[in-house]
Amino acid sequence: MLTLKVITEERERVINALKKKHFKDAEACIDKVIELNDKRRSAQNQLDKNLAEVNSASKTIGMLMKEGKKEEAETAKARVAEIKEANKSIQQAMDEASNEMQTILYTIPNLPHISVPEGKCAEDNVVEKTGGMQTALPQDAIPHWDLAKKYDLIDFDLGVKITGAGFPVYKGQGARLQRALINFFLDEARDAGYLEIMPPTLVNEASGYGTGQLPDKEGQMYHCTLDNLYLIPTAEVPVTNIYRDVILEEKDLPVKNCAYTQCFRREAGSYGKDVRGLNRLHEFSKVEIVRIDKPEHSYESLQEMLAHVENLLIKLELPYRILRLCGGDISFTAALCFDFEVYSEAQQRWLEVSSVSNFESYQANRLKCRYRDENKKTQLCHTLNGSALALPRIVAALLENHQTAEGIRIPKALIPYTGFDMIK
């Protein structure tokens, strides 16, 4: 959530930045927030004046009573009662302005970093880097959904029977490959200094608002209405919310956490080739890395996170590219975001496997996540997160890119975790 200080003091910059994100009615929204904030402040000022008058009159009443000036005291009492009655209306108007302003603030996205390129959609994203091992597949190479059936690794039909489309069942070496990847990613994160967290996969409404998943404008979260709880779309939500309403010490920054969780997304509106096999699921496994940092160091942290994710893809021997997302494709909450994609030789297309983002103070303002600097002054933190990594498309890419005439080869770095070097 944008701070009122930024909105009121840097109106033009805010509006222009929001237009870069293609946020509709940017000017009208910002002006409405300023109007409501002025109304709220005016009401607060009037309440403060009234309170001062009530306090002064109360002292006067006591003096008048002591002096036997009963009639004057009664007049003062009537004035106090009049002020208190007026305060009820003023307080109501202030609360209404505050609530309406807060509702609008929740709908305004984060401002994009100056380095975010112009653009309307994914086609306008900028390729920053490509790398990894290029794969030479056999002539009869097949996509992962056929490989999964051939080697009895994943049963998509059984998932439909048990739950529905988008909930696959992993079997045998397929299940072991999943577990191996989870442990590999967690060990790599631990070696990089991340503290492992095992959080809940259900969160309350406050947590959803804290990281910006709520209000859920696109209806992508699974909502347990009876208990008003939400299934998490990513471990970012519970892990970042650990620091909601927390004041950290500057010496303890950056905080580095990682977590493996199941993730749940409705993926409303998805269809066609993009949802075939493991390409787009409703439930999937993911290891997430999260950082809480001070503003002047957060972009250094972002670079370290990018290097961490890139190293994972190198060790998995997968062809990859890194994209800098444009204004029209960057997420609602991110100031700067990089996507990692792996190339599927069998499908002849790029598959997104990670997003690494700096949210600057946007989430921290919602969360009231602050740190105390060396001068004992509290300031908003910056928050960052990244997938390291999401499993479904990594599994798809591993199966497709490492298929051989003899079977599916396991990357060297993963063999200690799988216990086998080939799926046959």
Protein backbone atom coordinates (compact mmCIF):
# COMPACT_ATOMS: atom_id res chain seq x y z
CA MET A 1 0.00 0.00 0.00
CA LEU A 2 1.32 3.42 -0.94
CA THR A 3 2.01 5.78 1.94
CA LEU A 4 -0.06 8.93 2.28
CA LYS A 5 3.17 10.93 2.45
CA VAL A 6 4.20 9.77 -1.03
CA ILE A 7 0.71 10.29 -2.47
CA THR A 8 0.22 13.79 -1.05
CA GLU A 9 3.75 15.10 -1.55
CA GLU A 10 4.54 13.48 -4.93
CA ARG A 11 1.15 13.45 -6.67
CA GLU A 12 2.41 13.89 -10.24
CA ARG A 13 5.14 11.26 -9.93
CA VAL A 14 2.68 8.79 -8.43
CA ILE A 15 0.12 9.31 -11.20
CA ASN A 16 2.72 8.96 -13.96
CA ALA A 17 4.15 5.81 -12.37
CA LEU A 18 0.69 4.25 -12.07
CA LYS A 19 0.05 4.99 -15.73
CA LYS A 20 3.20 3.01 -16.54
CA LYS A 21 1.47 0.04 -14.87
CA HIS A 22 -1.63 0.81 -16.97
CA PHE A 23 -3.70 1.42 -13.84
CA LYS A 24 -7.03 2.82 -14.94
CA ASP A 25 -8.29 6.11 -13.46
CA ALA A 26 -4.94 6.74 -11.73
CA GLU A 27 -5.52 10.49 -11.48
CA ALA A 28 -9.09 10.15 -10.18
CA CYS A 29 -8.06 7.57 -7.56
CA ILE A 30 -5.13 9.60 -6.28
CA ASP A 31 -7.16 12.81 -6.13
CA LYS A 32 -9.93 10.99 -4.25
CA VAL A 33 -7.41 9.71 -1.69
CA ILE A 34 -6.05 13.25 -1.22
CA GLU A 35 -9.60 14.64 -0.86
CA LEU A 36 -10.55 12.01 1.73
CA ASN A 37 -7.29 12.50 3.60
CA ASP A 38 -7.93 16.26 3.75
CA LYS A 39 -11.45 15.57 5.04
CA ARG A 40 -10.10 13.14 7.64
CA ARG A 41 -7.41 15.56 8.80
CA SER A 42 -9.88 18.45 8.95
CA ALA A 43 -12.22 16.38 11.10
CA GLN A 44 -9.34 15.32 13.33
CA ASN A 45 -8.25 18.93 13.77
CA GLN A 46 -11.81 19.91 14.73
CA LEU A 47 -11.98 17.06 17.22
CA ASP A 48 -8.68 18.16 18.74
CA LYS A 49 -9.94 21.76 19.08
CA ASN A 50 -13.20 20.56 20.60
CA LEU A 51 -11.37 18.35 23.05
CA ALA A 52 -9.20 21.27 24.12
CA GLU A 53 -12.32 23.39 24.60
CA VAL A 54 -14.01 20.64 26.62
CA ASN A 55 -10.94 20.26 28.85
CA SER A 56 -10.75 24.03 29.39
CA ALA A 57 -14.51 24.29 30.08
CA SER A 58 -14.36 21.39 32.55
CA LYS A 59 -11.74 23.23 34.59
CA THR A 60 -13.81 26.43 34.40
CA ILE A 61 -16.93 24.61 35.61
CA GLY A 62 -15.10 23.42 38.68
CA MET A 63 -13.91 26.94 39.49
CA LEU A 64 -17.37 28.43 38.92
CA MET A 65 -18.97 25.89 41.22
CA LYS A 66 -16.45 26.70 43.95
CA GLU A 67 -17.20 30.41 43.53
CA GLY A 68 -20.95 29.74 43.76
CA LYS A 69 -21.61 30.87 40.19
CA LYS A 70 -24.05 28.07 39.53
CA GLU A 71 -25.82 29.68 36.57
CA GLU A 72 -22.58 30.32 34.73
CA ALA A 73 -21.46 26.77 35.53
CA GLU A 74 -24.67 25.35 34.07
CA THR A 75 -24.13 27.38 30.89
CA ALA A 76 -20.60 25.95 30.60
CA LYS A 77 -21.94 22.43 31.17
CA ALA A 78 -24.47 22.93 28.38
CA ARG A 79 -21.66 24.03 26.07
CA VAL A 80 -19.63 20.90 26.92
CA ALA A 81 -22.66 18.70 26.20
CA GLU A 82 -23.19 20.53 22.90
CA ILE A 83 -19.56 19.98 21.89
CA LYS A 84 -19.67 16.27 22.81
CA GLU A 85 -22.81 15.80 20.77
CA ALA A 86 -21.20 17.56 17.78
CA ASN A 87 -18.12 15.36 18.18
CA LYS A 88 -20.22 12.28 17.47
CA SER A 89 -21.04 13.55 13.98
CA ILE A 90 -17.49 14.73 13.38
CA GLN A 91 -16.09 11.35 14.50
CA GLN A 92 -18.52 9.52 12.22
CA ALA A 93 -17.52 11.69 9.26
CA MET A 94 -13.83 11.10 10.02
CA ASP A 95 -14.32 7.34 10.30
CA GLU A 96 -16.25 7.23 7.03
CA ALA A 97 -13.53 9.21 5.25
CA SER A 98 -10.80 7.00 6.74
CA ASN A 99 -12.58 3.77 5.78
CA GLU A 100 -13.32 4.93 2.23
CA MET A 101 -9.73 6.12 1.82
CA GLN A 102 -8.38 2.78 3.09
CA THR A 103 -10.61 0.88 0.67
CA ILE A 104 -9.31 2.92 -2.26
CA LEU A 105 -5.67 2.57 -1.11
CA TYR A 106 -6.04 -1.22 -1.21
CA THR A 107 -6.99 -0.99 -4.91
CA ILE A 108 -3.97 1.11 -5.94
CA PRO A 109 -0.96 -0.95 -7.09
CA ASN A 110 2.66 -0.40 -6.15
CA LEU A 111 4.70 2.10 -8.13
CA PRO A 112 7.08 0.49 -10.66
CA HIS A 113 10.81 0.99 -10.23
CA ILE A 114 12.41 3.42 -12.68
CA SER A 115 14.09 0.49 -14.48
CA VAL A 116 10.77 -1.21 -15.34
CA PRO A 117 10.40 -1.04 -19.14
CA GLU A 118 7.35 0.38 -20.87
CA GLY A 119 4.95 -2.20 -22.23
CA LYS A 120 1.42 -3.54 -22.14
CA CYS A 121 1.80 -7.34 -21.96
CA ALA A 122 4.19 -10.29 -21.71
CA GLU A 123 5.39 -9.77 -25.29
CA ASP A 124 6.93 -6.46 -24.16
CA ASN A 125 9.08 -7.99 -21.41
CA VAL A 126 12.84 -7.60 -21.86
CA VAL A 127 15.15 -10.63 -22.02
CA GLU A 128 18.03 -9.84 -19.64
CA LYS A 129 20.00 -13.04 -19.98
CA THR A 130 19.91 -16.58 -21.38
CA GLY A 131 21.93 -19.55 -20.20
CA GLY A 132 22.00 -23.21 -19.29
CA MET A 133 22.70 -26.35 -21.25
CA GLN A 134 21.12 -26.65 -24.67
CA THR A 135 19.49 -30.04 -25.12
CA ALA A 136 19.67 -32.36 -28.11
CA LEU A 137 16.59 -34.59 -27.94
CA PRO A 138 15.98 -37.86 -29.75
CA GLN A 139 13.90 -37.58 -32.91
CA ASP A 140 10.88 -39.21 -31.25
CA ALA A 141 10.92 -36.80 -28.28
CA ILE A 142 7.53 -36.45 -26.55
CA PRO A 143 6.02 -33.94 -24.08
CA HIS A 144 6.02 -34.56 -20.33
CA TRP A 145 2.41 -35.72 -20.07
CA ASP A 146 3.21 -38.60 -22.42
CA LEU A 147 6.50 -39.29 -20.62
CA ALA A 148 4.65 -39.36 -17.30
CA LYS A 149 2.32 -42.01 -18.67
CA LYS A 150 5.08 -44.00 -20.38
CA TYR A 151 7.17 -44.27 -17.19
CA ASP A 152 4.17 -44.33 -14.78
CA LEU A 153 5.31 -41.18 -12.97
CA ILE A 154 2.17 -39.03 -12.80
CA ASP A 155 -1.50 -40.01 -13.09
CA PHE A 156 -3.57 -37.08 -14.28
CA ASP A 157 -6.78 -39.11 -14.67
CA LEU A 158 -6.56 -40.38 -11.10
CA GLY A 159 -6.25 -36.79 -9.90
CA VAL A 160 -9.44 -35.93 -11.80
CA LYS A 161 -11.19 -38.87 -10.12
CA ILE A 162 -10.09 -37.88 -6.61
CA THR A 163 -10.44 -34.10 -6.90
CA GLY A 164 -10.68 -32.66 -10.41
CA ALA A 165 -8.54 -31.32 -13.24
CA GLY A 166 -5.32 -29.65 -12.11
CA PHE A 167 -4.66 -31.99 -9.16
CA PRO A 168 -2.24 -34.68 -10.41
CA VAL A 169 -1.18 -37.78 -8.47
CA TYR A 170 2.60 -38.44 -8.42
CA LYS A 171 3.65 -42.09 -8.24
CA GLY A 172 6.82 -44.12 -7.73
CA GLN A 173 9.85 -42.38 -9.21
CA GLY A 174 7.64 -39.38 -10.01
CA ALA A 175 6.88 -38.92 -6.30
CA ARG A 176 10.53 -39.48 -5.41
CA LEU A 177 11.58 -36.87 -7.97
CA GLN A 178 9.19 -34.36 -6.36
CA ARG A 179 10.59 -35.05 -2.89
CA ALA A 180 14.16 -34.90 -4.20
CA LEU A 181 13.60 -31.47 -5.73
CA ILE A 182 12.02 -30.12 -2.54
CA ASN A 183 14.96 -31.29 -0.42
CA PHE A 184 17.48 -30.04 -2.99
CA PHE A 185 15.91 -26.57 -3.08
CA LEU A 186 15.67 -26.35 0.71
CA ASP A 187 19.28 -27.47 1.21
CA GLU A 188 20.48 -24.93 -1.35
CA ALA A 189 18.51 -22.19 0.43
CA ARG A 190 19.89 -23.23 3.82
CA ASP A 191 23.44 -23.16 2.45
CA ALA A 192 22.73 -19.62 1.21
CA GLY A 193 21.80 -18.50 4.72
CA TYR A 194 18.02 -18.82 4.66
CA LEU A 195 16.25 -19.99 7.83
CA GLU A 196 13.71 -22.69 7.02
CA ILE A 197 10.12 -22.08 8.11
CA MET A 198 7.24 -24.56 8.03
CA PRO A 199 4.17 -22.28 8.01
CA PRO A 200 0.42 -23.04 7.81
CA THR A 201 -1.15 -23.32 4.36
CA LEU A 202 -4.31 -21.57 5.56
CA VAL A 203 -4.17 -17.88 6.45
CA ASN A 204 -6.61 -15.37 7.88
CA GLU A 205 -7.92 -12.27 6.16
CA ALA A 206 -5.39 -9.95 7.80
CA SER A 207 -2.54 -11.99 6.31
CA GLY A 208 -4.09 -11.84 2.85
CA TYR A 209 -4.38 -8.06 3.07
CA GLY A 210 -0.89 -7.79 4.52
CA THR A 211 0.90 -9.10 1.43
CA GLY A 212 -1.59 -7.80 -1.13
CA GLN A 213 -3.42 -10.98 -2.15
CA LEU A 214 -6.59 -9.37 -0.81
CA PRO A 215 -8.76 -7.85 -2.01
CA ASP A 216 -8.75 -10.75 -4.49
CA LYS A 217 -9.90 -8.90 -7.58
CA GLU A 218 -9.31 -11.85 -9.93
CA GLY A 219 -10.85 -14.52 -7.71
CA GLN A 220 -7.72 -16.70 -7.74
CA MET A 221 -7.67 -17.69 -4.05
CA TYR A 222 -9.54 -20.63 -2.56
CA HIS A 223 -11.71 -19.22 0.23
CA CYS A 224 -12.99 -21.36 3.13
CA THR A 225 -16.03 -19.22 3.79
CA LEU A 226 -17.25 -20.94 6.97
CA ASP A 227 -14.06 -20.03 8.85
CA ASN A 228 -13.10 -17.07 6.63
CA LEU A 229 -9.68 -18.58 5.91
CA TYR A 230 -7.77 -18.69 2.63
CA LEU A 231 -5.59 -21.42 1.10
CA ILE A 232 -2.25 -19.84 0.31
CA PRO A 233 -1.21 -19.23 -3.33
CA THR A 234 2.44 -19.08 -2.21
CA ALA A 235 4.49 -19.36 1.01
CA GLU A 236 5.21 -15.65 0.60
CA VAL A 237 1.91 -14.95 2.38
CA PRO A 238 2.41 -16.75 5.73
CA VAL A 239 6.18 -16.22 5.88
CA THR A 240 6.07 -12.46 5.22
CA ASN A 241 3.18 -12.11 7.69
CA ILE A 242 5.45 -13.41 10.45
CA TYR A 243 6.72 -9.82 10.49
CA ARG A 244 3.32 -8.11 10.54
CA ASP A 245 3.22 -5.50 13.35
CA VAL A 246 6.87 -6.21 14.17
CA ILE A 247 9.70 -3.73 14.71
CA LEU A 248 13.05 -5.30 13.80
CA GLU A 249 16.49 -4.06 14.76
CA GLU A 250 18.66 -2.72 11.93
CA LYS A 251 21.52 -5.05 12.94
CA ASP A 252 19.28 -8.08 12.30
CA LEU A 253 18.61 -7.15 8.66
CA PRO A 254 18.34 -8.64 6.16
CA VAL A 255 16.07 -11.37 7.51
CA LYS A 256 16.26 -14.41 5.20
CA ASN A 257 13.61 -17.15 5.35
CA CYS A 258 12.69 -20.05 3.09
CA ALA A 259 9.72 -22.39 3.15
CA TYR A 260 8.34 -25.40 1.32
CA THR A 261 4.53 -25.49 1.08
CA GLN A 262 1.73 -26.73 -1.06
CA CYS A 263 0.23 -23.83 -3.03
CA PHE A 264 -3.32 -23.43 -4.26
CA ARG A 265 -4.58 -21.30 -7.14
CA ARG A 266 -7.95 -21.38 -8.85
CA GLU A 267 -6.37 -20.30 -12.16
CA ALA A 268 -9.74 -18.97 -13.27
CA GLY A 269 -9.96 -18.41 -17.01
CA SER A 270 -7.04 -20.71 -17.91
CA TYR A 271 -7.57 -22.98 -20.89
CA GLY A 272 -5.96 -24.51 -23.97
CA LYS A 273 -2.41 -25.77 -24.40
CA ASP A 274 -1.15 -23.70 -21.46
CA VAL A 275 -2.96 -25.97 -18.99
CA ARG A 276 -1.93 -29.35 -20.46
CA GLY A 277 -0.15 -31.72 -18.07
CA LEU A 278 1.89 -29.87 -15.43
CA ASN A 279 1.84 -26.53 -17.23
CA ARG A 280 -0.84 -25.02 -14.96
CA LEU A 281 -2.17 -26.65 -11.79
CA HIS A 282 -4.56 -25.80 -8.97
CA GLU A 283 -2.35 -27.45 -6.33
CA PHE A 284 1.43 -27.66 -6.53
CA SER A 285 4.62 -27.71 -4.44
CA LYS A 286 6.96 -24.75 -4.19
CA VAL A 287 9.98 -23.59 -2.23
CA GLU A 288 9.90 -19.84 -1.58
CA ILE A 289 12.64 -17.47 -0.42
CA VAL A 290 11.67 -14.29 1.46
CA ARG A 291 13.75 -11.34 2.61
CA ILE A 292 13.03 -8.39 4.89
CA ASP A 293 15.60 -5.65 4.39
CA LYS A 294 16.32 -1.95 4.82
CA PRO A 295 15.63 0.25 1.78
CA GLU A 296 19.23 1.09 0.90
CA HIS A 297 20.19 -2.60 0.72
CA SER A 298 17.10 -4.19 -0.82
CA TYR A 299 18.25 -4.02 -4.44
CA GLU A 300 21.50 -5.70 -3.51
CA SER A 301 19.37 -8.40 -1.88
CA LEU A 302 17.35 -8.68 -5.10
CA GLN A 303 20.51 -9.35 -7.11
CA GLU A 304 21.58 -12.03 -4.61
CA MET A 305 18.18 -13.72 -4.92
CA LEU A 306 18.39 -13.65 -8.72
CA ALA A 307 21.83 -15.27 -8.57
CA HIS A 308 20.49 -17.94 -6.21
CA VAL A 309 17.63 -18.93 -8.52
CA GLU A 310 19.90 -18.88 -11.58
CA ASN A 311 22.35 -21.20 -9.84
CA LEU A 312 19.54 -23.71 -9.18
CA LEU A 313 18.68 -23.84 -12.89
CA ILE A 314 22.35 -24.23 -13.82
CA LYS A 315 22.67 -27.17 -11.42
CA LEU A 316 19.54 -28.73 -12.90
CA GLU A 317 21.17 -28.41 -16.35
CA LEU A 318 18.20 -26.63 -17.88
CA PRO A 319 18.16 -23.98 -20.62
CA TYR A 320 16.78 -20.76 -19.11
CA ARG A 321 16.26 -17.08 -19.64
CA ILE A 322 15.68 -14.14 -17.28
CA LEU A 323 13.05 -11.53 -18.15
CA ARG A 324 12.64 -8.02 -16.75
CA LEU A 325 8.87 -7.54 -16.64
CA CYS A 326 7.34 -4.49 -18.28
CA GLY A 327 4.85 -2.11 -16.68
CA GLY A 328 1.83 -3.92 -18.09
CA ASP A 329 2.92 -7.39 -16.98
CA ILE A 330 4.44 -6.75 -13.55
CA SER A 331 2.36 -7.83 -10.56
CA PHE A 332 0.06 -5.56 -8.57
CA THR A 333 2.37 -5.45 -5.53
CA ALA A 334 5.86 -5.52 -7.13
CA ALA A 335 8.09 -2.51 -7.78
CA LEU A 336 10.50 -4.60 -9.89
CA CYS A 337 10.12 -8.21 -10.97
CA PHE A 338 12.23 -10.71 -12.90
CA ASP A 339 10.78 -13.94 -14.29
CA PHE A 340 12.82 -17.07 -14.90
CA GLU A 341 11.70 -19.32 -17.73
CA VAL A 342 13.00 -22.73 -18.79
CA TYR A 343 12.77 -23.92 -22.34
CA SER A 344 10.75 -27.01 -23.10
CA GLU A 345 12.33 -28.66 -26.13
CA ALA A 346 9.45 -31.10 -26.51
CA GLN A 347 6.76 -28.38 -26.37
CA GLN A 348 8.92 -25.82 -28.19
CA ARG A 349 7.99 -23.08 -25.69
CA TRP A 350 9.21 -21.23 -22.62
CA LEU A 351 7.75 -22.13 -19.22
CA GLU A 352 7.80 -19.70 -16.29
CA VAL A 353 9.29 -21.32 -13.18
CA SER A 354 10.08 -18.37 -10.90
CA SER A 355 9.32 -14.73 -10.20
CA VAL A 356 11.72 -12.74 -8.03
CA SER A 357 10.39 -9.39 -6.84
CA ASN A 358 11.21 -6.36 -4.73
CA PHE A 359 8.05 -4.84 -3.24
CA GLU A 360 9.98 -1.98 -1.61
CA SER A 361 7.81 -0.60 1.25
CA TYR A 362 4.44 -1.47 -0.35
CA GLN A 363 3.81 -4.67 1.61
CA ALA A 364 5.62 -3.36 4.69
CA ASN A 365 3.20 -0.41 4.89
CA ARG A 366 0.25 -2.81 4.88
CA LEU A 367 1.98 -5.09 7.38
CA LYS A 368 3.33 -2.28 9.60
CA CYS A 369 6.68 -4.09 9.27
CA ARG A 370 9.36 -1.68 10.47
CA TYR A 371 12.91 -1.55 11.70
CA ARG A 372 14.65 0.63 14.25
CA ASP A 373 17.71 2.38 12.86
CA GLU A 374 20.88 3.40 14.72
CA ASN A 375 19.20 6.70 15.70
CA LYS A 376 16.32 4.75 17.31
CA LYS A 377 13.97 5.98 14.59
CA THR A 378 11.50 3.47 13.14
CA GLN A 379 11.23 3.15 9.36
CA LEU A 380 9.35 0.89 6.96
CA CYS A 381 11.26 -2.17 5.76
CA HIS A 382 11.48 -3.40 2.19
CA THR A 383 10.16 -6.91 1.45
CA LEU A 384 11.30 -9.29 -1.30
CA ASN A 385 10.40 -12.80 -2.36
CA GLY A 386 11.07 -15.36 -5.06
CA SER A 387 10.23 -18.89 -6.13
CA ALA A 388 13.24 -21.13 -5.61
CA LEU A 389 11.64 -23.01 -7.20
CA ALA A 390 8.08 -23.96 -8.23
CA LEU A 391 8.05 -27.68 -9.01
CA PRO A 392 5.46 -28.47 -11.73
CA ARG A 393 7.14 -26.82 -14.70
CA ILE A 394 10.61 -27.74 -13.40
CA VAL A 395 9.50 -31.38 -13.41
CA ALA A 396 8.02 -30.91 -16.90
CA ALA A 397 11.28 -29.38 -18.17
CA LEU A 398 13.43 -32.06 -16.51
CA LEU A 399 11.40 -34.86 -18.05
CA GLU A 400 11.30 -33.30 -21.51
CA ASN A 401 14.82 -31.90 -21.78
CA HIS A 402 16.59 -34.90 -20.27
CA GLN A 403 14.77 -37.65 -22.13
CA THR A 404 17.03 -40.07 -23.99
CA ALA A 405 16.59 -43.30 -25.92
CA GLU A 406 17.46 -45.19 -22.71
CA GLY A 407 15.19 -43.21 -20.36
CA ILE A 408 15.11 -39.88 -18.54
CA ARG A 409 18.50 -38.73 -17.23
CA ILE A 410 18.70 -37.19 -13.75
CA PRO A 411 20.99 -34.12 -13.41
CA LYS A 412 24.17 -34.83 -11.46
CA ALA A 413 23.31 -32.43 -8.61
CA LEU A 414 19.99 -34.19 -8.04
CA ILE A 415 21.21 -37.82 -7.96
CA PRO A 416 22.11 -37.77 -4.22
CA TYR A 417 18.49 -36.78 -3.55
CA THR A 418 16.71 -39.18 -5.93
CA GLY A 419 18.88 -42.22 -5.28
CA PHE A 420 18.79 -43.05 -8.99
CA ASP A 421 20.45 -41.53 -12.08
CA MET A 422 17.94 -42.61 -14.69
CA ILE A 423 14.19 -43.10 -14.98
CA LYS A 424 13.69 -46.21 -17.08
